[in-house]
Amino acid sequence: MVKAIINIDDQSNRVLNIVKAKYGLKDKSSAIELVVKQYEEELLEPELRPEYVKRAKKILAQDAVDVGTVDDLRERLGI
């Protein structure tokens, strides 16, 4: 385990206290770990989430549409 001294603003401190209380954590270190894990799961590796994989497979299963030239595409879209 790594020990670190950090400087945070008052708002961040309040948020950590709320997270700590909401999840019944023993200290702010646990609150920071929880927030970091949630950040990792939701923002760093979204392509690994099951709903993303399901969506990607659905897109890959679709048939491609041949639109020809850019002008053909514009005509098809009405622009």
PDB file of N, CA and C in Angstrom:
ATOM      1  N   MET A   1       0.843  -1.174   0.000  1.00  0.00           N
ATOM      2  CA  MET A   1       0.000   0.000   0.000  1.00  0.00           C
ATOM      3  C   MET A   1       0.889   1.238   0.000  1.00  0.00           C
ATOM      4  N   VAL A   2       0.475   2.215  -0.781  1.00  0.00           N
ATOM      5  CA  VAL A   2       1.218   3.461  -0.909  1.00  0.00           C
ATOM      6  C   VAL A   2       0.589   4.502   0.002  1.00  0.00           C
ATOM      7  N   LYS A   3       1.419   5.254   0.701  1.00  0.00           N
ATOM      8  CA  LYS A   3       0.919   6.348   1.525  1.00  0.00           C
ATOM      9  C   LYS A   3       1.204   7.645   0.805  1.00  0.00           C
ATOM     10  N   ALA A   4       0.238   8.568   0.851  1.00  0.00           N
ATOM     11  CA  ALA A   4       0.404   9.842   0.163  1.00  0.00           C
ATOM     12  C   ALA A   4      -0.231  10.955   0.972  1.00  0.00           C
ATOM     13  N   ILE A   5       0.392  12.093   0.936  1.00  0.00           N
ATOM     14  CA  ILE A   5      -0.185  13.295   1.523  1.00  0.00           C
ATOM     15  C   ILE A   5      -0.738  14.096   0.353  1.00  0.00           C
ATOM     16  N   ILE A   6      -2.036  14.429   0.423  1.00  0.00           N
ATOM     17  CA  ILE A   6      -2.664  15.149  -0.688  1.00  0.00           C
ATOM     18  C   ILE A   6      -3.280  16.449  -0.193  1.00  0.00           C
ATOM     19  N   ASN A   7      -3.365  17.400  -1.097  1.00  0.00           N
ATOM     20  CA  ASN A   7      -4.045  18.663  -0.816  1.00  0.00           C
ATOM     21  C   ASN A   7      -5.309  18.693  -1.648  1.00  0.00           C
ATOM     22  N   ILE A   8      -6.461  18.859  -0.999  1.00  0.00           N
ATOM     23  CA  ILE A   8      -7.732  18.946  -1.700  1.00  0.00           C
ATOM     24  C   ILE A   8      -8.490  20.169  -1.205  1.00  0.00           C
ATOM     25  N   ASP A   9      -9.371  20.663  -2.037  1.00  0.00           N
ATOM     26  CA  ASP A   9     -10.154  21.832  -1.628  1.00  0.00           C
ATOM     27  C   ASP A   9     -11.297  21.403  -0.709  1.00  0.00           C
ATOM     28  N   ASP A  10     -11.984  22.387  -0.157  1.00  0.00           N
ATOM     29  CA  ASP A  10     -13.063  22.114   0.801  1.00  0.00           C
ATOM     30  C   ASP A  10     -14.196  21.301   0.184  1.00  0.00           C
ATOM     31  N   GLN A  11     -14.554  21.599  -1.064  1.00  0.00           N
ATOM     32  CA  GLN A  11     -15.641  20.876  -1.727  1.00  0.00           C
ATOM     33  C   GLN A  11     -15.286  19.396  -1.880  1.00  0.00           C
ATOM     34  N   SER A  12     -14.062  19.100  -2.304  1.00  0.00           N
ATOM     35  CA  SER A  12     -13.635  17.708  -2.449  1.00  0.00           C
ATOM     36  C   SER A  12     -13.634  17.001  -1.104  1.00  0.00           C
ATOM     37  N   ASN A  13     -13.239  17.697  -0.079  1.00  0.00           N
ATOM     38  CA  ASN A  13     -13.247  17.129   1.263  1.00  0.00           C
ATOM     39  C   ASN A  13     -14.666  16.790   1.698  1.00  0.00           C
ATOM     40  N   ARG A  14     -15.620  17.681   1.396  1.00  0.00           N
ATOM     41  CA  ARG A  14     -17.021  17.420   1.735  1.00  0.00           C
ATOM     42  C   ARG A  14     -17.542  16.198   0.985  1.00  0.00           C
ATOM     43  N   VAL A  15     -17.198  16.116  -0.300  1.00  0.00           N
ATOM     44  CA  VAL A  15     -17.647  14.978  -1.106  1.00  0.00           C
ATOM     45  C   VAL A  15     -17.082  13.680  -0.535  1.00  0.00           C
ATOM     46  N   LEU A  16     -15.811  13.677  -0.176  1.00  0.00           N
ATOM     47  CA  LEU A  16     -15.224  12.466   0.408  1.00  0.00           C
ATOM     48  C   LEU A  16     -15.908  12.096   1.719  1.00  0.00           C
ATOM     49  N   ASN A  17     -16.268  13.089   2.531  1.00  0.00           N
ATOM     50  CA  ASN A  17     -16.989  12.802   3.769  1.00  0.00           C
ATOM     51  C   ASN A  17     -18.354  12.196   3.482  1.00  0.00           C
ATOM     52  N   ILE A  18     -19.029  12.691   2.437  1.00  0.00           N
ATOM     53  CA  ILE A  18     -20.337  12.150   2.073  1.00  0.00           C
ATOM     54  C   ILE A  18     -20.200  10.717   1.597  1.00  0.00           C
ATOM     55  N   VAL A  19     -19.208  10.448   0.738  1.00  0.00           N
ATOM     56  CA  VAL A  19     -18.973   9.090   0.237  1.00  0.00           C
ATOM     57  C   VAL A  19     -18.660   8.161   1.400  1.00  0.00           C
ATOM     58  N   LYS A  20     -17.817   8.628   2.294  1.00  0.00           N
ATOM     59  CA  LYS A  20     -17.445   7.836   3.476  1.00  0.00           C
ATOM     60  C   LYS A  20     -18.674   7.479   4.304  1.00  0.00           C
ATOM     61  N   ALA A  21     -19.535   8.446   4.549  1.00  0.00           N
ATOM     62  CA  ALA A  21     -20.733   8.203   5.357  1.00  0.00           C
ATOM     63  C   ALA A  21     -21.739   7.322   4.616  1.00  0.00           C
ATOM     64  N   LYS A  22     -21.940   7.595   3.328  1.00  0.00           N
ATOM     65  CA  LYS A  22     -22.936   6.869   2.551  1.00  0.00           C
ATOM     66  C   LYS A  22     -22.619   5.381   2.482  1.00  0.00           C
ATOM     67  N   TYR A  23     -21.357   5.036   2.318  1.00  0.00           N
ATOM     68  CA  TYR A  23     -20.970   3.636   2.163  1.00  0.00           C
ATOM     69  C   TYR A  23     -20.431   3.017   3.454  1.00  0.00           C
ATOM     70  N   GLY A  24     -20.482   3.761   4.546  1.00  0.00           N
ATOM     71  CA  GLY A  24     -20.046   3.240   5.838  1.00  0.00           C
ATOM     72  C   GLY A  24     -18.565   2.888   5.871  1.00  0.00           C
ATOM     73  N   LEU A  25     -17.763   3.716   5.242  1.00  0.00           N
ATOM     74  CA  LEU A  25     -16.324   3.456   5.180  1.00  0.00           C
ATOM     75  C   LEU A  25     -15.643   3.979   6.429  1.00  0.00           C
ATOM     76  N   LYS A  26     -14.494   3.386   6.769  1.00  0.00           N
ATOM     77  CA  LYS A  26     -13.833   3.751   8.021  1.00  0.00           C
ATOM     78  C   LYS A  26     -12.995   5.020   7.929  1.00  0.00           C
ATOM     79  N   ASP A  27     -12.501   5.352   6.721  1.00  0.00           N
ATOM     80  CA  ASP A  27     -11.684   6.554   6.594  1.00  0.00           C
ATOM     81  C   ASP A  27     -11.754   7.111   5.175  1.00  0.00           C
ATOM     82  N   LYS A  28     -11.145   8.272   5.007  1.00  0.00           N
ATOM     83  CA  LYS A  28     -11.177   8.924   3.699  1.00  0.00           C
ATOM     84  C   LYS A  28     -10.353   8.160   2.666  1.00  0.00           C
ATOM     85  N   SER A  29      -9.359   7.431   3.099  1.00  0.00           N
ATOM     86  CA  SER A  29      -8.579   6.623   2.160  1.00  0.00           C
ATOM     87  C   SER A  29      -9.481   5.623   1.459  1.00  0.00           C
ATOM     88  N   SER A  30     -10.377   5.014   2.198  1.00  0.00           N
ATOM     89  CA  SER A  30     -11.321   4.068   1.608  1.00  0.00           C
ATOM     90  C   SER A  30     -12.267   4.780   0.649  1.00  0.00           C
ATOM     91  N   ALA A  31     -12.665   5.997   1.005  1.00  0.00           N
ATOM     92  CA  ALA A  31     -13.544   6.781   0.132  1.00  0.00           C
ATOM     93  C   ALA A  31     -12.826   7.124  -1.172  1.00  0.00           C
ATOM     94  N   ILE A  32     -11.563   7.500  -1.085  1.00  0.00           N
ATOM     95  CA  ILE A  32     -10.783   7.811  -2.284  1.00  0.00           C
ATOM     96  C   ILE A  32     -10.652   6.574  -3.155  1.00  0.00           C
ATOM     97  N   GLU A  33     -10.354   5.433  -2.560  1.00  0.00           N
ATOM     98  CA  GLU A  33     -10.234   4.184  -3.320  1.00  0.00           C
ATOM     99  C   GLU A  33     -11.539   3.858  -4.046  1.00  0.00           C
ATOM    100  N   LEU A  34     -12.671   4.025  -3.380  1.00  0.00           N
ATOM    101  CA  LEU A  34     -13.970   3.755  -3.989  1.00  0.00           C
ATOM    102  C   LEU A  34     -14.222   4.673  -5.182  1.00  0.00           C
ATOM    103  N   VAL A  35     -13.959   5.958  -5.007  1.00  0.00           N
ATOM    104  CA  VAL A  35     -14.176   6.929  -6.078  1.00  0.00           C
ATOM    105  C   VAL A  35     -13.261   6.614  -7.261  1.00  0.00           C
ATOM    106  N   VAL A  36     -12.019   6.268  -7.006  1.00  0.00           N
ATOM    107  CA  VAL A  36     -11.074   5.958  -8.075  1.00  0.00           C
ATOM    108  C   VAL A  36     -11.500   4.693  -8.818  1.00  0.00           C
ATOM    109  N   LYS A  37     -11.957   3.674  -8.097  1.00  0.00           N
ATOM    110  CA  LYS A  37     -12.419   2.439  -8.741  1.00  0.00           C
ATOM    111  C   LYS A  37     -13.618   2.715  -9.641  1.00  0.00           C
ATOM    112  N   GLN A  38     -14.566   3.524  -9.154  1.00  0.00           N
ATOM    113  CA  GLN A  38     -15.733   3.868  -9.969  1.00  0.00           C
ATOM    114  C   GLN A  38     -15.317   4.654 -11.205  1.00  0.00           C
ATOM    115  N   TYR A  39     -14.367   5.566 -11.051  1.00  0.00           N
ATOM    116  CA  TYR A  39     -13.868   6.334 -12.191  1.00  0.00           C
ATOM    117  C   TYR A  39     -13.237   5.395 -13.210  1.00  0.00           C
ATOM    118  N   GLU A  40     -12.438   4.466 -12.731  1.00  0.00           N
ATOM    119  CA  GLU A  40     -11.775   3.510 -13.615  1.00  0.00           C
ATOM    120  C   GLU A  40     -12.789   2.685 -14.403  1.00  0.00           C
ATOM    121  N   GLU A  41     -13.797   2.182 -13.722  1.00  0.00           N
ATOM    122  CA  GLU A  41     -14.796   1.327 -14.358  1.00  0.00           C
ATOM    123  C   GLU A  41     -15.631   2.082 -15.386  1.00  0.00           C
ATOM    124  N   GLU A  42     -15.970   3.317 -15.086  1.00  0.00           N
ATOM    125  CA  GLU A  42     -16.893   4.042 -15.947  1.00  0.00           C
ATOM    126  C   GLU A  42     -16.223   4.868 -17.035  1.00  0.00           C
ATOM    127  N   LEU A  43     -15.021   5.356 -16.791  1.00  0.00           N
ATOM    128  CA  LEU A  43     -14.432   6.276 -17.751  1.00  0.00           C
ATOM    129  C   LEU A  43     -13.167   5.767 -18.440  1.00  0.00           C
ATOM    130  N   LEU A  44     -12.356   5.000 -17.760  1.00  0.00           N
ATOM    131  CA  LEU A  44     -11.098   4.584 -18.364  1.00  0.00           C
ATOM    132  C   LEU A  44     -11.241   3.413 -19.318  1.00  0.00           C
ATOM    133  N   GLU A  45     -12.098   2.464 -19.007  1.00  0.00           N
ATOM    134  CA  GLU A  45     -12.230   1.261 -19.813  1.00  0.00           C
ATOM    135  C   GLU A  45     -13.678   1.011 -20.250  1.00  0.00           C
ATOM    136  N   PRO A  46     -14.341   2.005 -20.857  1.00  0.00           N
ATOM    137  CA  PRO A  46     -15.751   1.781 -21.213  1.00  0.00           C
ATOM    138  C   PRO A  46     -15.930   0.703 -22.262  1.00  0.00           C
ATOM    139  N   GLU A  47     -14.921   0.460 -23.099  1.00  0.00           N
ATOM    140  CA  GLU A  47     -15.067  -0.544 -24.141  1.00  0.00           C
ATOM    141  C   GLU A  47     -15.146  -1.956 -23.590  1.00  0.00           C
ATOM    142  N   LEU A  48     -14.811  -2.147 -22.336  1.00  0.00           N
ATOM    143  CA  LEU A  48     -14.879  -3.474 -21.739  1.00  0.00           C
ATOM    144  C   LEU A  48     -16.192  -3.734 -21.011  1.00  0.00           C
ATOM    145  N   ARG A  49     -17.017  -2.721 -20.873  1.00  0.00           N
ATOM    146  CA  ARG A  49     -18.297  -2.903 -20.194  1.00  0.00           C
ATOM    147  C   ARG A  49     -19.196  -3.805 -21.016  1.00  0.00           C
ATOM    148  N   PRO A  50     -19.946  -4.684 -20.383  1.00  0.00           N
ATOM    149  CA  PRO A  50     -20.810  -5.632 -21.104  1.00  0.00           C
ATOM    150  C   PRO A  50     -21.793  -4.961 -22.055  1.00  0.00           C
ATOM    151  N   GLU A  51     -22.366  -3.827 -21.658  1.00  0.00           N
ATOM    152  CA  GLU A  51     -23.331  -3.170 -22.529  1.00  0.00           C
ATOM    153  C   GLU A  51     -22.654  -2.627 -23.788  1.00  0.00           C
ATOM    154  N   TYR A  52     -21.388  -2.226 -23.689  1.00  0.00           N
ATOM    155  CA  TYR A  52     -20.656  -1.776 -24.866  1.00  0.00           C
ATOM    156  C   TYR A  52     -20.392  -2.946 -25.807  1.00  0.00           C
ATOM    157  N   VAL A  53     -19.970  -4.074 -25.253  1.00  0.00           N
ATOM    158  CA  VAL A  53     -19.699  -5.259 -26.068  1.00  0.00           C
ATOM    159  C   VAL A  53     -20.970  -5.697 -26.793  1.00  0.00           C
ATOM    160  N   LYS A  54     -22.091  -5.688 -26.087  1.00  0.00           N
ATOM    161  CA  LYS A  54     -23.372  -6.075 -26.687  1.00  0.00           C
ATOM    162  C   LYS A  54     -23.732  -5.139 -27.832  1.00  0.00           C
ATOM    163  N   ARG A  55     -23.556  -3.842 -27.604  1.00  0.00           N
ATOM    164  CA  ARG A  55     -23.866  -2.854 -28.628  1.00  0.00           C
ATOM    165  C   ARG A  55     -22.949  -3.008 -29.843  1.00  0.00           C
ATOM    166  N   ALA A  56     -21.667  -3.248 -29.586  1.00  0.00           N
ATOM    167  CA  ALA A  56     -20.708  -3.409 -30.680  1.00  0.00           C
ATOM    168  C   ALA A  56     -21.035  -4.642 -31.514  1.00  0.00           C
ATOM    169  N   LYS A  57     -21.406  -5.743 -30.864  1.00  0.00           N
ATOM    170  CA  LYS A  57     -21.764  -6.954 -31.598  1.00  0.00           C
ATOM    171  C   LYS A  57     -22.996  -6.723 -32.458  1.00  0.00           C
ATOM    172  N   LYS A  58     -23.958  -5.955 -31.942  1.00  0.00           N
ATOM    173  CA  LYS A  58     -25.174  -5.655 -32.692  1.00  0.00           C
ATOM    174  C   LYS A  58     -24.844  -4.828 -33.937  1.00  0.00           C
ATOM    175  N   ILE A  59     -23.946  -3.873 -33.778  1.00  0.00           N
ATOM    176  CA  ILE A  59     -23.536  -3.041 -34.905  1.00  0.00           C
ATOM    177  C   ILE A  59     -22.791  -3.876 -35.943  1.00  0.00           C
ATOM    178  N   LEU A  60     -21.916  -4.749 -35.498  1.00  0.00           N
ATOM    179  CA  LEU A  60     -21.150  -5.594 -36.420  1.00  0.00           C
ATOM    180  C   LEU A  60     -22.041  -6.568 -37.188  1.00  0.00           C
ATOM    181  N   ALA A  61     -23.162  -6.947 -36.599  1.00  0.00           N
ATOM    182  CA  ALA A  61     -24.061  -7.897 -37.247  1.00  0.00           C
ATOM    183  C   ALA A  61     -24.901  -7.247 -38.344  1.00  0.00           C
ATOM    184  N   GLN A  62     -24.966  -5.926 -38.372  1.00  0.00           N
ATOM    185  CA  GLN A  62     -25.765  -5.226 -39.371  1.00  0.00           C
ATOM    186  C   GLN A  62     -25.108  -5.324 -40.748  1.00  0.00           C
ATOM    187  N   ASP A  63     -25.934  -5.305 -41.771  1.00  0.00           N
ATOM    188  CA  ASP A  63     -25.429  -5.309 -43.139  1.00  0.00           C
ATOM    189  C   ASP A  63     -24.974  -3.908 -43.523  1.00  0.00           C
ATOM    190  N   ALA A  64     -23.920  -3.852 -44.296  1.00  0.00           N
ATOM    191  CA  ALA A  64     -23.413  -2.569 -44.776  1.00  0.00           C
ATOM    192  C   ALA A  64     -24.323  -2.043 -45.872  1.00  0.00           C
ATOM    193  N   VAL A  65     -24.402  -0.733 -45.976  1.00  0.00           N
ATOM    194  CA  VAL A  65     -25.219  -0.091 -46.992  1.00  0.00           C
ATOM    195  C   VAL A  65     -24.292   0.594 -47.980  1.00  0.00           C
ATOM    196  N   ASP A  66     -24.394   0.220 -49.245  1.00  0.00           N
ATOM    197  CA  ASP A  66     -23.575   0.848 -50.277  1.00  0.00           C
ATOM    198  C   ASP A  66     -24.271   2.111 -50.737  1.00  0.00           C
ATOM    199  N   VAL A  67     -23.642   3.258 -50.504  1.00  0.00           N
ATOM    200  CA  VAL A  67     -24.250   4.531 -50.885  1.00  0.00           C
ATOM    201  C   VAL A  67     -23.610   5.102 -52.141  1.00  0.00           C
ATOM    202  N   GLY A  68     -22.583   4.481 -52.624  1.00  0.00           N
ATOM    203  CA  GLY A  68     -21.933   4.962 -53.842  1.00  0.00           C
ATOM    204  C   GLY A  68     -21.033   6.139 -53.563  1.00  0.00           C
ATOM    205  N   THR A  69     -21.271   7.233 -54.254  1.00  0.00           N
ATOM    206  CA  THR A  69     -20.430   8.421 -54.122  1.00  0.00           C
ATOM    207  C   THR A  69     -20.969   9.325 -53.024  1.00  0.00           C
ATOM    208  N   VAL A  70     -20.196  10.350 -52.719  1.00  0.00           N
ATOM    209  CA  VAL A  70     -20.624  11.334 -51.729  1.00  0.00           C
ATOM    210  C   VAL A  70     -21.888  12.030 -52.214  1.00  0.00           C
ATOM    211  N   ASP A  71     -21.948  12.313 -53.497  1.00  0.00           N
ATOM    212  CA  ASP A  71     -23.146  12.950 -54.051  1.00  0.00           C
ATOM    213  C   ASP A  71     -24.371  12.051 -53.902  1.00  0.00           C
ATOM    214  N   ASP A  72     -24.189  10.736 -54.108  1.00  0.00           N
ATOM    215  CA  ASP A  72     -25.290   9.792 -53.907  1.00  0.00           C
ATOM    216  C   ASP A  72     -25.763   9.812 -52.459  1.00  0.00           C
ATOM    217  N   LEU A  73     -24.819   9.873 -51.538  1.00  0.00           N
ATOM    218  CA  LEU A  73     -25.167   9.920 -50.113  1.00  0.00           C
ATOM    219  C   LEU A  73     -25.929  11.195 -49.794  1.00  0.00           C
ATOM    220  N   ARG A  74     -25.447  12.306 -50.302  1.00  0.00           N
ATOM    221  CA  ARG A  74     -26.143  13.583 -50.064  1.00  0.00           C
ATOM    222  C   ARG A  74     -27.566  13.544 -50.611  1.00  0.00           C
ATOM    223  N   GLU A  75     -27.712  12.975 -51.794  1.00  0.00           N
ATOM    224  CA  GLU A  75     -29.046  12.856 -52.394  1.00  0.00           C
ATOM    225  C   GLU A  75     -29.954  11.966 -51.538  1.00  0.00           C
ATOM    226  N   ARG A  76     -29.386  10.884 -51.046  1.00  0.00           N
ATOM    227  CA  ARG A  76     -30.147   9.950 -50.202  1.00  0.00           C
ATOM    228  C   ARG A  76     -30.598  10.613 -48.908  1.00  0.00           C
ATOM    229  N   LEU A  77     -29.724  11.470 -48.338  1.00  0.00           N
ATOM    230  CA  LEU A  77     -30.038  12.171 -47.086  1.00  0.00           C
ATOM    231  C   LEU A  77     -30.857  13.430 -47.302  1.00  0.00           C
ATOM    232  N   GLY A  78     -30.954  13.871 -48.557  1.00  0.00           N
ATOM    233  CA  GLY A  78     -31.743  15.054 -48.869  1.00  0.00           C
ATOM    234  C   GLY A  78     -31.040  16.353 -48.509  1.00  0.00           C
ATOM    235  N   ILE A  79     -29.723  16.345 -48.617  1.00  0.00           N
ATOM    236  CA  ILE A  79     -28.985  17.602 -48.308  1.00  0.00           C
ATOM    237  C   ILE A  79     -28.238  18.105 -49.518  1.00  0.00           C
TER     238      ILE A  79
END
